[in-house]
Amino acid sequence: MLRFEKITDENVRLLGGYFERDISSVICDYTYGTFLIWRDYYGYEYAAEDGVLYTKADDFEGKTAFSFPVAAGDAGAALDKISDY
C-alpha cells in the first residue's frame, strides 16, 4: 500500500524533479510551488514509489482526492495502486 507523507520545506523539491521530468503540461497544478503554498489548506501529501509520484489532498467535504499520478510511460498500474488505496 502507498505510504503518503506530508509535504515539507525539506521534501518539496522532490516533487519538482518529477514534474520537470514527466510532465509536458504548463499548468500550475503540477509545480512544487503550488503544492508548497497550498499544502496546509488542502492537506497535500505525496508518495513516491517505483518511479511514480502520487499526490492526494482533502476536498471541501473532507474526502480524499488524488491527482493523476506523475509517471513516464503507462500510468495504468499507478491508477490501480490508487484504487487499492
C-alpha atoms as a PDB file:
ATOM      1  CA  MET A   1       0.000   0.000   0.000  1.00  0.00           C
ATOM      2  CA  LEU A   2       1.168   3.518  -0.724  1.00  0.00           C
ATOM      3  CA  ARG A   3       2.682   5.404   2.215  1.00  0.00           C
ATOM      4  CA  PHE A   4       1.944   9.105   1.994  1.00  0.00           C
ATOM      5  CA  GLU A   5       3.973  11.833   3.705  1.00  0.00           C
ATOM      6  CA  LYS A   6       3.194  15.447   4.392  1.00  0.00           C
ATOM      7  CA  ILE A   7       4.841  17.924   2.042  1.00  0.00           C
ATOM      8  CA  THR A   8       7.507  19.920   3.877  1.00  0.00           C
ATOM      9  CA  ASP A   9      10.083  22.569   3.024  1.00  0.00           C
ATOM     10  CA  GLU A  10      12.684  19.803   3.047  1.00  0.00           C
ATOM     11  CA  ASN A  11      10.999  17.332   0.665  1.00  0.00           C
ATOM     12  CA  VAL A  12       9.041  19.591  -1.707  1.00  0.00           C
ATOM     13  CA  ARG A  13      11.875  19.763  -4.246  1.00  0.00           C
ATOM     14  CA  LEU A  14      11.499  16.016  -4.818  1.00  0.00           C
ATOM     15  CA  LEU A  15       8.131  16.767  -6.432  1.00  0.00           C
ATOM     16  CA  GLY A  16       9.715  19.283  -8.780  1.00  0.00           C
ATOM     17  CA  GLY A  17      12.023  16.609 -10.140  1.00  0.00           C
ATOM     18  CA  TYR A  18       9.035  14.502 -11.186  1.00  0.00           C
ATOM     19  CA  PHE A  19       7.235  17.487 -12.693  1.00  0.00           C
ATOM     20  CA  GLU A  20      10.254  18.582 -14.717  1.00  0.00           C
ATOM     21  CA  ARG A  21      10.942  15.073 -15.983  1.00  0.00           C
ATOM     22  CA  ASP A  22       7.489  13.630 -16.610  1.00  0.00           C
ATOM     23  CA  ILE A  23       5.006  16.466 -17.199  1.00  0.00           C
ATOM     24  CA  SER A  24       4.743  18.189 -20.557  1.00  0.00           C
ATOM     25  CA  SER A  25       1.926  20.474 -19.432  1.00  0.00           C
ATOM     26  CA  VAL A  26       2.470  24.069 -18.418  1.00  0.00           C
ATOM     27  CA  ILE A  27      -0.407  24.253 -15.913  1.00  0.00           C
ATOM     28  CA  CYS A  28       0.479  25.445 -12.442  1.00  0.00           C
ATOM     29  CA  ASP A  29      -1.161  22.458 -10.708  1.00  0.00           C
ATOM     30  CA  TYR A  30       1.984  20.431 -11.325  1.00  0.00           C
ATOM     31  CA  THR A  31       4.613  22.673  -9.771  1.00  0.00           C
ATOM     32  CA  TYR A  32       6.266  22.258  -6.412  1.00  0.00           C
ATOM     33  CA  GLY A  33       5.392  25.874  -5.598  1.00  0.00           C
ATOM     34  CA  THR A  34       1.677  25.118  -5.841  1.00  0.00           C
ATOM     35  CA  PHE A  35       1.977  22.135  -3.532  1.00  0.00           C
ATOM     36  CA  LEU A  36       4.089  24.105  -1.075  1.00  0.00           C
ATOM     37  CA  ILE A  37       1.740  27.092  -0.956  1.00  0.00           C
ATOM     38  CA  TRP A  38      -1.462  25.037  -0.621  1.00  0.00           C
ATOM     39  CA  ARG A  39      -0.132  22.115   1.461  1.00  0.00           C
ATOM     40  CA  ASP A  40      -1.750  23.198   4.728  1.00  0.00           C
ATOM     41  CA  TYR A  41      -5.074  24.332   3.263  1.00  0.00           C
ATOM     42  CA  TYR A  42      -5.667  21.135   1.269  1.00  0.00           C
ATOM     43  CA  GLY A  43      -3.578  18.781   3.393  1.00  0.00           C
ATOM     44  CA  TYR A  44      -1.445  17.778   0.406  1.00  0.00           C
ATOM     45  CA  GLU A  45       0.608  14.626   0.848  1.00  0.00           C
ATOM     46  CA  TYR A  46       2.762  12.639  -1.548  1.00  0.00           C
ATOM     47  CA  ALA A  47       4.089   9.142  -2.064  1.00  0.00           C
ATOM     48  CA  ALA A  48       6.883   8.161  -4.450  1.00  0.00           C
ATOM     49  CA  GLU A  49       7.130   4.535  -5.476  1.00  0.00           C
ATOM     50  CA  ASP A  50       8.609   2.734  -8.497  1.00  0.00           C
ATOM     51  CA  GLY A  51       9.333   5.999 -10.302  1.00  0.00           C
ATOM     52  CA  VAL A  52       5.787   7.290  -9.882  1.00  0.00           C
ATOM     53  CA  LEU A  53       4.718  10.339  -7.885  1.00  0.00           C
ATOM     54  CA  TYR A  54       1.304  10.139  -6.211  1.00  0.00           C
ATOM     55  CA  THR A  55      -0.334  13.164  -4.590  1.00  0.00           C
ATOM     56  CA  LYS A  56      -3.509  13.425  -2.588  1.00  0.00           C
ATOM     57  CA  ALA A  57      -5.451  16.122  -0.826  1.00  0.00           C
ATOM     58  CA  ASP A  58      -8.664  16.673   1.084  1.00  0.00           C
ATOM     59  CA  ASP A  59     -11.550  18.156  -0.882  1.00  0.00           C
ATOM     60  CA  PHE A  60     -14.050  20.637   0.529  1.00  0.00           C
ATOM     61  CA  GLU A  61     -16.150  17.832   2.039  1.00  0.00           C
ATOM     62  CA  GLY A  62     -13.157  16.230   3.752  1.00  0.00           C
ATOM     63  CA  LYS A  63     -12.939  13.375   1.234  1.00  0.00           C
ATOM     64  CA  THR A  64      -9.610  12.236  -0.146  1.00  0.00           C
ATOM     65  CA  ALA A  65      -8.928  13.276  -3.729  1.00  0.00           C
ATOM     66  CA  PHE A  66      -5.979  12.141  -5.833  1.00  0.00           C
ATOM     67  CA  SER A  67      -4.200  13.964  -8.643  1.00  0.00           C
ATOM     68  CA  PHE A  68      -3.348  11.969 -11.735  1.00  0.00           C
ATOM     69  CA  PRO A  69      -0.093  10.093 -10.984  1.00  0.00           C
ATOM     70  CA  VAL A  70       3.074  11.570 -12.432  1.00  0.00           C
ATOM     71  CA  ALA A  71       4.945   8.869 -14.311  1.00  0.00           C
ATOM     72  CA  ALA A  72       6.836   8.369 -17.522  1.00  0.00           C
ATOM     73  CA  GLY A  73       5.021   5.855 -19.727  1.00  0.00           C
ATOM     74  CA  ASP A  74       1.892   3.843 -18.937  1.00  0.00           C
ATOM     75  CA  ALA A  75       0.077   5.035 -15.834  1.00  0.00           C
ATOM     76  CA  GLY A  76      -2.310   2.040 -15.639  1.00  0.00           C
ATOM     77  CA  ALA A  77      -0.501   0.290 -12.772  1.00  0.00           C
ATOM     78  CA  ALA A  78      -0.261   3.594 -10.891  1.00  0.00           C
ATOM     79  CA  LEU A  79      -4.004   4.111 -11.204  1.00  0.00           C
ATOM     80  CA  ASP A  80      -4.565   0.576  -9.879  1.00  0.00           C
ATOM     81  CA  LYS A  81      -2.493   1.435  -6.786  1.00  0.00           C
ATOM     82  CA  ILE A  82      -4.671   4.484  -6.170  1.00  0.00           C
ATOM     83  CA  SER A  83      -7.778   2.308  -6.480  1.00  0.00           C
ATOM     84  CA  ASP A  84      -6.320  -0.145  -3.976  1.00  0.00           C
ATOM     85  CA  TYR A  85      -5.611   2.654  -1.504  1.00  0.00           C
END
